[in-house]
Protein backbone atom coordinates (compact mmCIF):
# COMPACT_ATOMS: atom_id res chain seq x y z
CA MET A 1 4.92 14.71 -7.26
CA LYS A 2 7.48 12.99 -9.76
CA LEU A 3 7.69 10.07 -7.41
CA LEU A 4 3.53 9.90 -7.14
CA ASN A 5 3.18 10.22 -10.94
CA CYS A 6 5.76 7.51 -11.07
CA LEU A 7 4.06 5.23 -8.51
CA LEU A 8 1.01 5.65 -10.08
CA GLY A 9 2.26 5.37 -13.76
CA ALA A 10 3.61 2.06 -12.86
CA LEU A 11 0.45 0.69 -11.33
CA LEU A 12 -2.20 2.31 -13.75
CA ILE A 13 -3.95 0.62 -16.60
CA ALA A 14 -6.86 1.18 -14.63
CA THR A 15 -10.32 -0.12 -14.96
CA ALA A 16 -13.35 0.40 -12.71
CA ALA A 17 -13.74 -2.33 -10.21
CA GLN A 18 -16.56 -4.29 -10.51
CA ALA A 19 -16.72 -6.73 -7.82
CA ALA A 20 -16.74 -6.39 -4.31
CA GLU A 21 -13.15 -5.80 -2.88
CA PRO A 22 -11.42 -8.39 -0.78
CA PHE A 23 -10.83 -6.04 1.92
CA ASN A 24 -12.61 -3.46 3.69
CA LEU A 25 -10.71 0.06 4.02
CA THR A 26 -12.15 3.40 5.26
CA LEU A 27 -10.53 6.02 2.92
CA PRO A 28 -9.85 9.71 4.19
CA THR A 29 -12.62 12.32 3.53
CA GLY A 30 -11.77 13.43 -0.42
CA PHE A 31 -10.64 10.64 -2.07
CA GLY A 32 -12.32 9.01 -5.17
CA ALA A 33 -13.49 5.73 -6.16
CA TYR A 34 -10.74 3.17 -6.74
CA ALA A 35 -9.33 2.10 -10.03
CA LYS A 36 -8.36 -1.52 -10.47
CA GLN A 37 -5.81 -3.13 -12.26
CA SER A 38 -4.42 -6.77 -12.32
CA GLN A 39 -1.19 -8.55 -13.66
CA THR A 40 0.64 -11.67 -13.16
CA ALA A 41 4.41 -11.37 -12.31
CA GLY A 42 5.93 -14.98 -12.61
CA LYS A 43 3.76 -16.98 -10.28
CA ILE A 44 2.27 -14.20 -8.16
CA GLU A 45 -0.80 -12.51 -9.17
CA VAL A 46 -0.91 -8.64 -8.34
CA THR A 47 -3.98 -6.63 -7.90
CA ASN A 48 -3.82 -2.93 -7.23
CA TRP A 49 -6.48 -0.51 -6.11
CA ILE A 50 -5.96 3.25 -6.49
CA SER A 51 -7.92 6.07 -4.77
CA LYS A 52 -6.62 9.76 -5.38
CA SER A 53 -7.63 12.73 -3.79
CA PRO A 54 -8.11 16.24 -5.25
CA THR A 55 -4.94 17.33 -3.72
CA GLY A 56 -2.80 14.92 -5.32
CA GLU A 57 -2.76 12.43 -2.62
CA ALA A 58 -3.03 8.73 -3.10
CA VAL A 59 -4.04 5.58 -1.79
CA VAL A 60 -2.76 2.41 -3.14
CA VAL A 61 -3.71 -1.00 -2.16
CA THR A 62 -2.05 -3.86 -3.49
CA MET A 63 -2.87 -7.56 -3.11
CA SER A 64 -0.20 -10.16 -3.92
CA LYS A 65 -1.28 -13.99 -4.53
CA MET A 66 1.41 -16.09 -3.47
CA PRO A 67 2.13 -19.74 -5.30
CA GLY A 68 1.69 -21.08 -1.67
CA LYS A 69 1.36 -20.10 2.03
CA ILE A 70 3.23 -17.35 3.24
CA LEU A 71 5.71 -19.10 5.95
CA ASP A 72 8.02 -16.20 7.26
CA PRO A 73 5.82 -13.09 6.99
CA SER A 74 8.60 -11.01 8.50
CA LYS A 75 11.07 -12.03 6.00
CA LEU A 76 8.72 -11.05 3.43
CA PHE A 77 8.16 -7.80 4.96
CA ASP A 78 11.66 -6.84 4.92
CA SER A 79 12.14 -7.90 1.38
CA THR A 80 9.05 -5.94 0.37
CA ARG A 81 10.53 -2.73 2.31
CA ASP A 82 14.01 -3.03 0.84
CA SER A 83 12.39 -3.34 -2.75
CA LEU A 84 10.30 -0.38 -2.22
CA VAL A 85 13.25 1.58 -0.79
CA LYS A 86 15.63 0.66 -3.89
CA SER A 87 13.17 0.94 -6.84
CA GLN A 88 11.77 4.29 -5.60
CA ASN A 89 14.73 6.02 -3.84
CA LEU A 90 13.22 6.25 -0.48
CA THR A 91 14.65 6.62 2.75
CA LEU A 92 12.86 4.63 5.63
CA ASP A 93 11.84 7.04 8.36
CA SER A 94 10.37 4.57 10.90
CA GLU A 95 9.15 1.08 11.27
CA GLU A 96 6.85 -1.16 13.59
CA LYS A 97 6.14 -4.88 13.21
CA GLY A 98 3.00 -5.81 14.70
CA SER A 99 2.40 -8.55 17.23
CA GLY A 100 -0.95 -10.13 16.07
CA THR A 101 -2.86 -12.22 13.68
CA PRO A 102 -2.39 -11.54 10.87
CA ALA A 103 0.90 -10.49 10.88
CA SER A 104 1.42 -7.02 10.03
CA ALA A 105 4.22 -3.89 9.61
CA LYS A 106 3.88 -0.06 9.50
CA MET A 107 6.38 1.94 7.86
CA SER A 108 7.07 5.51 6.94
CA PHE A 109 9.08 6.69 4.06
CA HIS A 110 10.07 9.82 2.30
CA ALA A 111 11.63 10.66 -1.19
CA GLY A 112 13.43 14.16 -1.06
CA SER A 113 11.09 16.90 0.32
CA ASN A 114 7.84 16.16 -1.90
CA ALA A 115 6.88 12.76 -1.51
CA PHE A 116 5.88 11.27 2.04
CA LEU A 117 4.71 7.60 2.28
CA LYS A 118 3.22 5.58 4.94
CA SER A 119 2.53 1.96 4.41
CA ARG A 120 1.17 -1.23 6.02
CA LEU A 121 1.69 -4.55 5.39
CA ILE A 122 -0.54 -7.55 6.27
CA ALA A 123 0.39 -11.24 5.41
CA SER A 124 -2.75 -13.68 5.67
CA ASP A 125 -2.39 -17.60 4.15
CA ASP A 126 -1.06 -16.98 0.48
CA LYS A 127 -1.75 -13.26 0.40
CA LEU A 128 0.39 -10.28 1.00
CA TYR A 129 -1.71 -7.28 1.55
CA GLN A 130 0.22 -3.41 1.24
CA VAL A 131 -1.78 -0.60 2.05
CA LEU A 132 0.44 2.45 0.83
CA TYR A 133 -0.29 6.37 1.28
CA VAL A 134 1.46 8.91 -0.75
CA GLY A 135 1.22 12.46 0.16
CA HIS A 136 3.50 15.91 -0.44
CA THR A 137 4.29 16.66 2.77
CA PRO A 138 5.35 15.46 6.31
CA GLU A 139 2.06 16.73 7.76
CA GLN A 140 -0.01 14.88 5.28
CA ARG A 141 1.38 11.77 5.84
CA ASP A 142 1.34 12.28 9.71
CA ASN A 143 -2.09 12.91 9.83
CA PRO A 144 -4.20 11.19 12.13
CA ALA A 145 -6.72 10.48 9.25
CA VAL A 146 -4.06 8.64 7.22
CA ALA A 147 -3.17 6.35 10.52
CA ALA A 148 -6.91 5.67 11.07
CA MET A 149 -7.32 4.85 7.21
CA LEU A 150 -4.19 2.30 7.84
CA ASP A 151 -5.64 0.69 10.98
CA SER A 152 -9.13 0.77 9.40
CA PHE A 153 -7.73 -2.21 6.89
CA THR A 154 -9.38 -5.48 7.45
CA ILE A 155 -9.60 -8.37 5.11
CA ALA A 156 -13.05 -9.16 3.72
CA PRO A 157 -14.35 -12.44 4.79
């Protein structure tokens, strides 16, 4: 719970999303409307969409607009993974690189015995998308509905 609050606290200063989202995602049953927050870090524009469930689970979609086209998605995925592991004191449980267009990767993490995360990274042109699920048990994280949600992510036309 502490990790979830930390992640959400770091990402929130939320306002309701007013425009159509630049992605499509089918949230699991019970998740609420997105709260949206944007910021600029150096030359990177970052927008977060956060949805919570009554059980304390959360889904965070982050879109990072880079200053130029992403030339090496695999390298960016690796640095994103390493940064998440280090900043949140996570353990990487599994990783799978996708083999299609756009470039993608899926990862599972845990922090102690009460925070279990599953993530999908997608690189397209000058944008990095991260879909992050945060739950409290391995059973929540490994629920087929979470995998279906990650697989449902598409970039809006």
